[in-house]
């Protein structure tokens, strides 16, 4: 499973953040790793240097082998909360999608 992290120009400490995000994604999606070819993570700060409520956004897209990509978005007050929320949504979505496939194919 390849993980690609993208950030906008308003995000500071990009390398350290990318390492942390990659670890969270790897750990959270480990059980799906044989079915996921790539996960793209896009991090942005909607209000730049102004403090705003829930202005950090994380978009995650998982590309499943032989399937349409699954994408989720989560906004929160901090980037870490946005990443955690997005990975939780993505995990739930993948469980639902892959569970339906297992049910169909017995």
Protein backbone atom coordinates (compact mmCIF):
# COMPACT_ATOMS: atom_id res chain seq x y z
CA UNK A 1 0.00 0.00 0.00
CA UNK A 2 1.55 3.25 -1.17
CA UNK A 3 0.75 6.40 0.84
CA UNK A 4 1.08 9.85 -0.73
CA UNK A 5 0.80 12.98 1.44
CA UNK A 6 0.04 16.41 -0.09
CA UNK A 7 -0.20 19.70 1.81
CA UNK A 8 -1.08 23.23 0.85
CA UNK A 9 1.38 26.10 1.32
CA UNK A 10 -0.21 27.10 4.64
CA UNK A 11 0.88 23.93 6.47
CA UNK A 12 4.04 24.21 8.57
CA UNK A 13 6.38 21.34 9.45
CA UNK A 14 5.38 19.34 6.39
CA UNK A 15 8.02 16.59 6.62
CA UNK A 16 7.38 15.75 10.28
CA UNK A 17 3.62 15.94 9.74
CA UNK A 18 3.85 13.68 6.68
CA UNK A 19 5.74 11.06 8.72
CA UNK A 20 3.10 11.14 11.46
CA UNK A 21 0.19 11.00 9.02
CA UNK A 22 1.76 8.10 7.13
CA UNK A 23 2.12 6.14 10.39
CA UNK A 24 -1.54 6.77 11.33
CA UNK A 25 -2.79 5.72 7.89
CA UNK A 26 -0.54 2.65 7.77
CA UNK A 27 -1.64 1.51 11.23
CA UNK A 28 -5.35 2.21 10.74
CA UNK A 29 -5.66 0.62 7.29
CA UNK A 30 -3.25 -2.27 7.80
CA UNK A 31 -5.96 -4.93 7.57
CA UNK A 32 -6.98 -3.62 4.13
CA UNK A 33 -3.42 -3.30 2.80
CA UNK A 34 -3.71 -6.27 0.45
CA UNK A 35 -6.73 -4.65 -1.26
CA UNK A 36 -5.55 -1.01 -1.30
CA UNK A 37 -3.02 -0.01 -3.93
CA UNK A 38 -2.65 3.62 -2.85
CA UNK A 39 -3.93 6.15 -0.32
CA UNK A 40 -3.71 9.85 -1.12
CA UNK A 41 -3.94 12.32 1.76
CA UNK A 42 -4.53 16.03 1.13
CA UNK A 43 -4.08 18.40 4.08
CA UNK A 44 -5.10 22.04 3.98
CA UNK A 45 -5.63 25.03 6.24
CA UNK A 46 -8.75 26.75 4.92
CA UNK A 47 -8.18 30.07 6.71
CA UNK A 48 -4.41 30.21 6.42
CA UNK A 49 -2.89 32.12 9.34
CA UNK A 50 -6.19 33.17 10.90
CA UNK A 51 -7.48 30.98 13.69
CA UNK A 52 -10.85 29.62 12.77
CA UNK A 53 -12.96 26.85 14.12
CA UNK A 54 -12.71 23.63 12.11
CA UNK A 55 -10.56 25.21 9.40
CA UNK A 56 -8.15 22.29 9.00
CA UNK A 57 -9.21 19.84 6.31
CA UNK A 58 -8.08 16.32 5.51
CA UNK A 59 -9.21 14.56 2.36
CA UNK A 60 -8.29 10.88 1.99
CA UNK A 61 -8.76 8.76 -1.09
CA UNK A 62 -8.14 5.02 -1.08
CA UNK A 63 -7.66 3.26 -4.39
CA UNK A 64 -8.86 -0.31 -4.18
CA UNK A 65 -7.59 -2.90 -6.61
CA UNK A 66 -10.18 -3.30 -9.38
CA UNK A 67 -12.66 -0.88 -7.74
CA UNK A 68 -13.59 2.79 -7.84
CA UNK A 69 -11.64 4.99 -5.40
CA UNK A 70 -13.21 5.75 -2.02
CA UNK A 71 -12.84 9.33 -0.77
CA UNK A 72 -13.70 11.00 2.54
CA UNK A 73 -13.27 14.48 4.01
CA UNK A 74 -13.03 15.65 7.61
CA UNK A 75 -12.66 19.18 8.96
CA UNK A 76 -11.50 19.93 12.50
CA UNK A 77 -9.77 22.50 14.69
CA UNK A 78 -6.34 20.81 14.30
CA UNK A 79 -4.68 18.82 11.55
CA UNK A 80 -4.28 15.81 13.84
CA UNK A 81 -8.02 15.80 14.58
CA UNK A 82 -8.77 16.19 10.87
CA UNK A 83 -6.52 13.22 10.02
CA UNK A 84 -7.99 11.06 12.79
CA UNK A 85 -11.54 11.89 11.71
CA UNK A 86 -10.81 11.20 8.05
CA UNK A 87 -9.07 7.88 8.72
CA UNK A 88 -12.01 6.80 10.91
CA UNK A 89 -14.46 7.66 8.11
CA UNK A 90 -12.30 5.90 5.52
CA UNK A 91 -12.01 2.78 7.68
CA UNK A 92 -15.80 2.65 8.12
CA UNK A 93 -16.35 3.17 4.39
CA UNK A 94 -13.88 0.42 3.45
CA UNK A 95 -15.39 -1.97 5.99
CA UNK A 96 -18.81 -1.35 4.45
CA UNK A 97 -17.62 -1.63 0.83
CA UNK A 98 -15.43 -4.69 1.32
CA UNK A 99 -17.99 -6.32 3.62
CA UNK A 100 -20.63 -6.06 0.88
CA UNK A 101 -18.20 -7.59 -1.61
CA UNK A 102 -17.47 -10.50 0.74
CA UNK A 103 -21.20 -11.05 1.30
CA UNK A 104 -21.85 -11.19 -2.46
CA UNK A 105 -18.99 -13.56 -3.16
CA UNK A 106 -19.61 -15.79 -0.15
